[in-house]
Amino acid sequence: MNKFLSKRTIVVLVVLFAIGLATYLATRPRLAPGQAPLADISNIETLRTQFNQDAGKIRLIILVSPT
């Protein structure tokens, strides 16, 4: 009986931790105050236009692949 209670206790603690983590991740701010959102660029012309508009500033291009 003690083994059953200890397994149940561990499962309950893991579930509570998961709920707490999910709540934290869902409610935390996505961007720092004053930070512009990242641009989702679907074609090269949009990238080129936005890149050239920011001449003289620090620019960062991140390429992400789902595979």
PDB file of N, CA and C in Angstrom:
ATOM      1  N   MET A   1       0.812  -1.197   0.000  1.00  0.00           N
ATOM      2  CA  MET A   1       0.000   0.000   0.000  1.00  0.00           C
ATOM      3  C   MET A   1       0.855   1.259   0.000  1.00  0.00           C
ATOM      4  N   ASN A   2       1.993   1.245   0.685  1.00  0.00           N
ATOM      5  CA  ASN A   2       2.857   2.418   0.732  1.00  0.00           C
ATOM      6  C   ASN A   2       3.448   2.739  -0.629  1.00  0.00           C
ATOM      7  N   LYS A   3       3.783   1.692  -1.410  1.00  0.00           N
ATOM      8  CA  LYS A   3       4.317   1.927  -2.745  1.00  0.00           C
ATOM      9  C   LYS A   3       3.283   2.598  -3.628  1.00  0.00           C
ATOM     10  N   PHE A   4       2.026   2.195  -3.496  1.00  0.00           N
ATOM     11  CA  PHE A   4       0.954   2.802  -4.282  1.00  0.00           C
ATOM     12  C   PHE A   4       0.796   4.277  -3.936  1.00  0.00           C
ATOM     13  N   LEU A   5       0.848   4.583  -2.651  1.00  0.00           N
ATOM     14  CA  LEU A   5       0.708   5.973  -2.230  1.00  0.00           C
ATOM     15  C   LEU A   5       1.885   6.811  -2.709  1.00  0.00           C
ATOM     16  N   SER A   6       3.080   6.266  -2.686  1.00  0.00           N
ATOM     17  CA  SER A   6       4.236   7.042  -3.111  1.00  0.00           C
ATOM     18  C   SER A   6       4.208   7.261  -4.625  1.00  0.00           C
ATOM     19  N   LYS A   7       3.761   6.275  -5.390  1.00  0.00           N
ATOM     20  CA  LYS A   7       3.638   6.460  -6.833  1.00  0.00           C
ATOM     21  C   LYS A   7       2.563   7.487  -7.145  1.00  0.00           C
ATOM     22  N   ARG A   8       1.455   7.403  -6.425  1.00  0.00           N
ATOM     23  CA  ARG A   8       0.378   8.375  -6.624  1.00  0.00           C
ATOM     24  C   ARG A   8       0.863   9.789  -6.288  1.00  0.00           C
ATOM     25  N   THR A   9       1.600   9.905  -5.211  1.00  0.00           N
ATOM     26  CA  THR A   9       2.124  11.202  -4.806  1.00  0.00           C
ATOM     27  C   THR A   9       3.053  11.773  -5.875  1.00  0.00           C
ATOM     28  N   ILE A  10       3.902  10.943  -6.430  1.00  0.00           N
ATOM     29  CA  ILE A  10       4.815  11.394  -7.486  1.00  0.00           C
ATOM     30  C   ILE A  10       4.031  11.833  -8.713  1.00  0.00           C
ATOM     31  N   VAL A  11       3.029  11.072  -9.092  1.00  0.00           N
ATOM     32  CA  VAL A  11       2.218  11.435 -10.253  1.00  0.00           C
ATOM     33  C   VAL A  11       1.505  12.758 -10.018  1.00  0.00           C
ATOM     34  N   VAL A  12       0.943  12.943  -8.837  1.00  0.00           N
ATOM     35  CA  VAL A  12       0.253  14.195  -8.519  1.00  0.00           C
ATOM     36  C   VAL A  12       1.229  15.366  -8.560  1.00  0.00           C
ATOM     37  N   LEU A  13       2.418  15.190  -8.010  1.00  0.00           N
ATOM     38  CA  LEU A  13       3.407  16.267  -8.025  1.00  0.00           C
ATOM     39  C   LEU A  13       3.841  16.616  -9.451  1.00  0.00           C
ATOM     40  N   VAL A  14       4.035  15.602 -10.289  1.00  0.00           N
ATOM     41  CA  VAL A  14       4.421  15.849 -11.682  1.00  0.00           C
ATOM     42  C   VAL A  14       3.305  16.595 -12.418  1.00  0.00           C
ATOM     43  N   VAL A  15       2.061  16.182 -12.204  1.00  0.00           N
ATOM     44  CA  VAL A  15       0.929  16.850 -12.855  1.00  0.00           C
ATOM     45  C   VAL A  15       0.822  18.300 -12.379  1.00  0.00           C
ATOM     46  N   LEU A  16       0.966  18.534 -11.093  1.00  0.00           N
ATOM     47  CA  LEU A  16       0.907  19.908 -10.578  1.00  0.00           C
ATOM     48  C   LEU A  16       2.046  20.757 -11.138  1.00  0.00           C
ATOM     49  N   PHE A  17       3.232  20.180 -11.237  1.00  0.00           N
ATOM     50  CA  PHE A  17       4.364  20.901 -11.816  1.00  0.00           C
ATOM     51  C   PHE A  17       4.081  21.263 -13.274  1.00  0.00           C
ATOM     52  N   ALA A  18       3.541  20.298 -14.029  1.00  0.00           N
ATOM     53  CA  ALA A  18       3.235  20.543 -15.442  1.00  0.00           C
ATOM     54  C   ALA A  18       2.186  21.640 -15.593  1.00  0.00           C
ATOM     55  N   ILE A  19       1.172  21.637 -14.749  1.00  0.00           N
ATOM     56  CA  ILE A  19       0.136  22.675 -14.804  1.00  0.00           C
ATOM     57  C   ILE A  19       0.746  24.033 -14.459  1.00  0.00           C
ATOM     58  N   GLY A  20       1.570  24.074 -13.450  1.00  0.00           N
ATOM     59  CA  GLY A  20       2.223  25.329 -13.074  1.00  0.00           C
ATOM     60  C   GLY A  20       3.127  25.856 -14.168  1.00  0.00           C
ATOM     61  N   LEU A  21       3.886  24.977 -14.798  1.00  0.00           N
ATOM     62  CA  LEU A  21       4.773  25.389 -15.887  1.00  0.00           C
ATOM     63  C   LEU A  21       3.970  25.892 -17.083  1.00  0.00           C
ATOM     64  N   ALA A  22       2.903  25.189 -17.430  1.00  0.00           N
ATOM     65  CA  ALA A  22       2.063  25.620 -18.549  1.00  0.00           C
ATOM     66  C   ALA A  22       1.421  26.972 -18.267  1.00  0.00           C
ATOM     67  N   THR A  23       0.979  27.189 -17.048  1.00  0.00           N
ATOM     68  CA  THR A  23       0.385  28.475 -16.672  1.00  0.00           C
ATOM     69  C   THR A  23       1.422  29.589 -16.760  1.00  0.00           C
ATOM     70  N   TYR A  24       2.614  29.337 -16.269  1.00  0.00           N
ATOM     71  CA  TYR A  24       3.681  30.341 -16.334  1.00  0.00           C
ATOM     72  C   TYR A  24       4.006  30.693 -17.782  1.00  0.00           C
ATOM     73  N   LEU A  25       4.169  29.687 -18.620  1.00  0.00           N
ATOM     74  CA  LEU A  25       4.523  29.941 -20.017  1.00  0.00           C
ATOM     75  C   LEU A  25       3.399  30.653 -20.764  1.00  0.00           C
ATOM     76  N   ALA A  26       2.166  30.402 -20.404  1.00  0.00           N
ATOM     77  CA  ALA A  26       1.033  31.030 -21.084  1.00  0.00           C
ATOM     78  C   ALA A  26       0.837  32.481 -20.661  1.00  0.00           C
ATOM     79  N   THR A  27       1.266  32.849 -19.461  1.00  0.00           N
ATOM     80  CA  THR A  27       0.992  34.191 -18.955  1.00  0.00           C
ATOM     81  C   THR A  27       2.201  35.119 -18.958  1.00  0.00           C
ATOM     82  N   ARG A  28       3.376  34.615 -19.242  1.00  0.00           N
ATOM     83  CA  ARG A  28       4.553  35.495 -19.223  1.00  0.00           C
ATOM     84  C   ARG A  28       4.550  36.399 -20.456  1.00  0.00           C
ATOM     85  N   PRO A  29       5.157  37.565 -20.350  1.00  0.00           N
ATOM     86  CA  PRO A  29       5.204  38.467 -21.510  1.00  0.00           C
ATOM     87  C   PRO A  29       6.052  37.863 -22.625  1.00  0.00           C
ATOM     88  N   ARG A  30       5.594  38.029 -23.849  1.00  0.00           N
ATOM     89  CA  ARG A  30       6.282  37.458 -25.001  1.00  0.00           C
ATOM     90  C   ARG A  30       7.473  38.318 -25.439  1.00  0.00           C
ATOM     91  N   LEU A  31       7.357  39.618 -25.294  1.00  0.00           N
ATOM     92  CA  LEU A  31       8.424  40.528 -25.722  1.00  0.00           C
ATOM     93  C   LEU A  31       8.836  41.406 -24.550  1.00  0.00           C
ATOM     94  N   ALA A  32      10.064  41.829 -24.567  1.00  0.00           N
ATOM     95  CA  ALA A  32      10.525  42.796 -23.582  1.00  0.00           C
ATOM     96  C   ALA A  32       9.855  44.136 -23.880  1.00  0.00           C
ATOM     97  N   PRO A  33       9.649  44.967 -22.880  1.00  0.00           N
ATOM     98  CA  PRO A  33       9.027  46.275 -23.127  1.00  0.00           C
ATOM     99  C   PRO A  33       9.822  47.080 -24.154  1.00  0.00           C
ATOM    100  N   GLY A  34       9.136  47.583 -25.166  1.00  0.00           N
ATOM    101  CA  GLY A  34       9.784  48.380 -26.202  1.00  0.00           C
ATOM    102  C   GLY A  34      10.389  47.575 -27.330  1.00  0.00           C
ATOM    103  N   GLN A  35      10.363  46.262 -27.245  1.00  0.00           N
ATOM    104  CA  GLN A  35      10.949  45.426 -28.290  1.00  0.00           C
ATOM    105  C   GLN A  35       9.936  45.203 -29.407  1.00  0.00           C
ATOM    106  N   ALA A  36      10.379  45.380 -30.628  1.00  0.00           N
ATOM    107  CA  ALA A  36       9.513  45.155 -31.781  1.00  0.00           C
ATOM    108  C   ALA A  36       9.361  43.655 -32.010  1.00  0.00           C
ATOM    109  N   PRO A  37       8.197  43.230 -32.480  1.00  0.00           N
ATOM    110  CA  PRO A  37       8.024  41.796 -32.754  1.00  0.00           C
ATOM    111  C   PRO A  37       8.879  41.352 -33.934  1.00  0.00           C
ATOM    112  N   LEU A  38       9.201  40.077 -33.960  1.00  0.00           N
ATOM    113  CA  LEU A  38       9.969  39.529 -35.069  1.00  0.00           C
ATOM    114  C   LEU A  38       9.111  39.524 -36.331  1.00  0.00           C
ATOM    115  N   ALA A  39       9.739  39.747 -37.469  1.00  0.00           N
ATOM    116  CA  ALA A  39       9.022  39.764 -38.738  1.00  0.00           C
ATOM    117  C   ALA A  39       8.994  38.370 -39.336  1.00  0.00           C
ATOM    118  N   ASP A  40       7.818  37.956 -39.792  1.00  0.00           N
ATOM    119  CA  ASP A  40       7.672  36.683 -40.481  1.00  0.00           C
ATOM    120  C   ASP A  40       7.658  36.983 -41.974  1.00  0.00           C
ATOM    121  N   ILE A  41       8.766  36.730 -42.622  1.00  0.00           N
ATOM    122  CA  ILE A  41       8.931  37.102 -44.028  1.00  0.00           C
ATOM    123  C   ILE A  41       8.804  35.855 -44.884  1.00  0.00           C
ATOM    124  N   SER A  42       7.900  35.923 -45.869  1.00  0.00           N
ATOM    125  CA  SER A  42       7.643  34.736 -46.676  1.00  0.00           C
ATOM    126  C   SER A  42       8.315  34.775 -48.045  1.00  0.00           C
ATOM    127  N   ASN A  43       8.823  35.935 -48.448  1.00  0.00           N
ATOM    128  CA  ASN A  43       9.521  35.967 -49.743  1.00  0.00           C
ATOM    129  C   ASN A  43      10.758  36.848 -49.658  1.00  0.00           C
ATOM    130  N   ILE A  44      11.651  36.690 -50.601  1.00  0.00           N
ATOM    131  CA  ILE A  44      12.955  37.361 -50.566  1.00  0.00           C
ATOM    132  C   ILE A  44      12.842  38.863 -50.806  1.00  0.00           C
ATOM    133  N   GLU A  45      11.855  39.299 -51.572  1.00  0.00           N
ATOM    134  CA  GLU A  45      11.706  40.729 -51.846  1.00  0.00           C
ATOM    135  C   GLU A  45      11.335  41.502 -50.578  1.00  0.00           C
ATOM    136  N   THR A  46      10.462  40.938 -49.762  1.00  0.00           N
ATOM    137  CA  THR A  46      10.115  41.574 -48.497  1.00  0.00           C
ATOM    138  C   THR A  46      11.336  41.664 -47.602  1.00  0.00           C
ATOM    139  N   LEU A  47      12.115  40.597 -47.560  1.00  0.00           N
ATOM    140  CA  LEU A  47      13.348  40.592 -46.771  1.00  0.00           C
ATOM    141  C   LEU A  47      14.303  41.671 -47.265  1.00  0.00           C
ATOM    142  N   ARG A  48      14.508  41.748 -48.561  1.00  0.00           N
ATOM    143  CA  ARG A  48      15.426  42.722 -49.138  1.00  0.00           C
ATOM    144  C   ARG A  48      14.976  44.156 -48.820  1.00  0.00           C
ATOM    145  N   THR A  49      13.681  44.417 -48.958  1.00  0.00           N
ATOM    146  CA  THR A  49      13.150  45.767 -48.692  1.00  0.00           C
ATOM    147  C   THR A  49      13.350  46.156 -47.236  1.00  0.00           C
ATOM    148  N   GLN A  50      12.978  45.280 -46.321  1.00  0.00           N
ATOM    149  CA  GLN A  50      13.136  45.592 -44.898  1.00  0.00           C
ATOM    150  C   GLN A  50      14.604  45.685 -44.502  1.00  0.00           C
ATOM    151  N   PHE A  51      15.445  44.854 -45.085  1.00  0.00           N
ATOM    152  CA  PHE A  51      16.874  44.890 -44.784  1.00  0.00           C
ATOM    153  C   PHE A  51      17.469  46.225 -45.229  1.00  0.00           C
ATOM    154  N   ASN A  52      17.121  46.691 -46.423  1.00  0.00           N
ATOM    155  CA  ASN A  52      17.661  47.946 -46.938  1.00  0.00           C
ATOM    156  C   ASN A  52      17.114  49.160 -46.193  1.00  0.00           C
ATOM    157  N   GLN A  53      15.905  49.084 -45.647  1.00  0.00           N
ATOM    158  CA  GLN A  53      15.340  50.202 -44.890  1.00  0.00           C
ATOM    159  C   GLN A  53      16.109  50.454 -43.601  1.00  0.00           C
ATOM    160  N   ASP A  54      16.723  49.445 -43.062  1.00  0.00           N
ATOM    161  CA  ASP A  54      17.418  49.571 -41.782  1.00  0.00           C
ATOM    162  C   ASP A  54      18.923  49.751 -41.941  1.00  0.00           C
ATOM    163  N   ALA A  55      19.350  50.356 -43.023  1.00  0.00           N
ATOM    164  CA  ALA A  55      20.781  50.601 -43.226  1.00  0.00           C
ATOM    165  C   ALA A  55      21.311  51.457 -42.082  1.00  0.00           C
ATOM    166  N   GLY A  56      22.450  51.093 -41.569  1.00  0.00           N
ATOM    167  CA  GLY A  56      23.060  51.832 -40.470  1.00  0.00           C
ATOM    168  C   GLY A  56      22.699  51.294 -39.097  1.00  0.00           C
ATOM    169  N   LYS A  57      21.774  50.354 -39.036  1.00  0.00           N
ATOM    170  CA  LYS A  57      21.384  49.742 -37.768  1.00  0.00           C
ATOM    171  C   LYS A  57      21.918  48.315 -37.725  1.00  0.00           C
ATOM    172  N   ILE A  58      21.973  47.763 -36.528  1.00  0.00           N
ATOM    173  CA  ILE A  58      22.359  46.366 -36.389  1.00  0.00           C
ATOM    174  C   ILE A  58      21.183  45.519 -36.844  1.00  0.00           C
ATOM    175  N   ARG A  59      21.443  44.557 -37.726  1.00  0.00           N
ATOM    176  CA  ARG A  59      20.382  43.702 -38.277  1.00  0.00           C
ATOM    177  C   ARG A  59      20.726  42.248 -38.021  1.00  0.00           C
ATOM    178  N   LEU A  60      19.699  41.455 -37.791  1.00  0.00           N
ATOM    179  CA  LEU A  60      19.882  40.039 -37.528  1.00  0.00           C
ATOM    180  C   LEU A  60      18.870  39.262 -38.349  1.00  0.00           C
ATOM    181  N   ILE A  61      19.361  38.309 -39.136  1.00  0.00           N
ATOM    182  CA  ILE A  61      18.503  37.458 -39.948  1.00  0.00           C
ATOM    183  C   ILE A  61      18.637  36.043 -39.399  1.00  0.00           C
ATOM    184  N   ILE A  62      17.493  35.448 -38.999  1.00  0.00           N
ATOM    185  CA  ILE A  62      17.484  34.097 -38.464  1.00  0.00           C
ATOM    186  C   ILE A  62      16.674  33.231 -39.420  1.00  0.00           C
ATOM    187  N   LEU A  63      17.293  32.167 -39.891  1.00  0.00           N
ATOM    188  CA  LEU A  63      16.617  31.223 -40.758  1.00  0.00           C
ATOM    189  C   LEU A  63      16.271  29.988 -39.931  1.00  0.00           C
ATOM    190  N   VAL A  64      14.994  29.628 -39.901  1.00  0.00           N
ATOM    191  CA  VAL A  64      14.540  28.490 -39.103  1.00  0.00           C
ATOM    192  C   VAL A  64      13.867  27.501 -40.034  1.00  0.00           C
ATOM    193  N   SER A  65      14.255  26.242 -39.911  1.00  0.00           N
ATOM    194  CA  SER A  65      13.673  25.189 -40.720  1.00  0.00           C
ATOM    195  C   SER A  65      12.949  24.188 -39.821  1.00  0.00           C
ATOM    196  N   PRO A  66      11.758  23.726 -40.208  1.00  0.00           N
ATOM    197  CA  PRO A  66      11.037  22.778 -39.369  1.00  0.00           C
ATOM    198  C   PRO A  66      11.627  21.368 -39.380  1.00  0.00           C
ATOM    199  N   THR A  67      12.622  21.134 -40.229  1.00  0.00           N
ATOM    200  CA  THR A  67      13.213  19.793 -40.286  1.00  0.00           C
ATOM    201  C   THR A  67      14.618  19.786 -39.759  1.00  0.00           C
TER     202      THR A  67
END
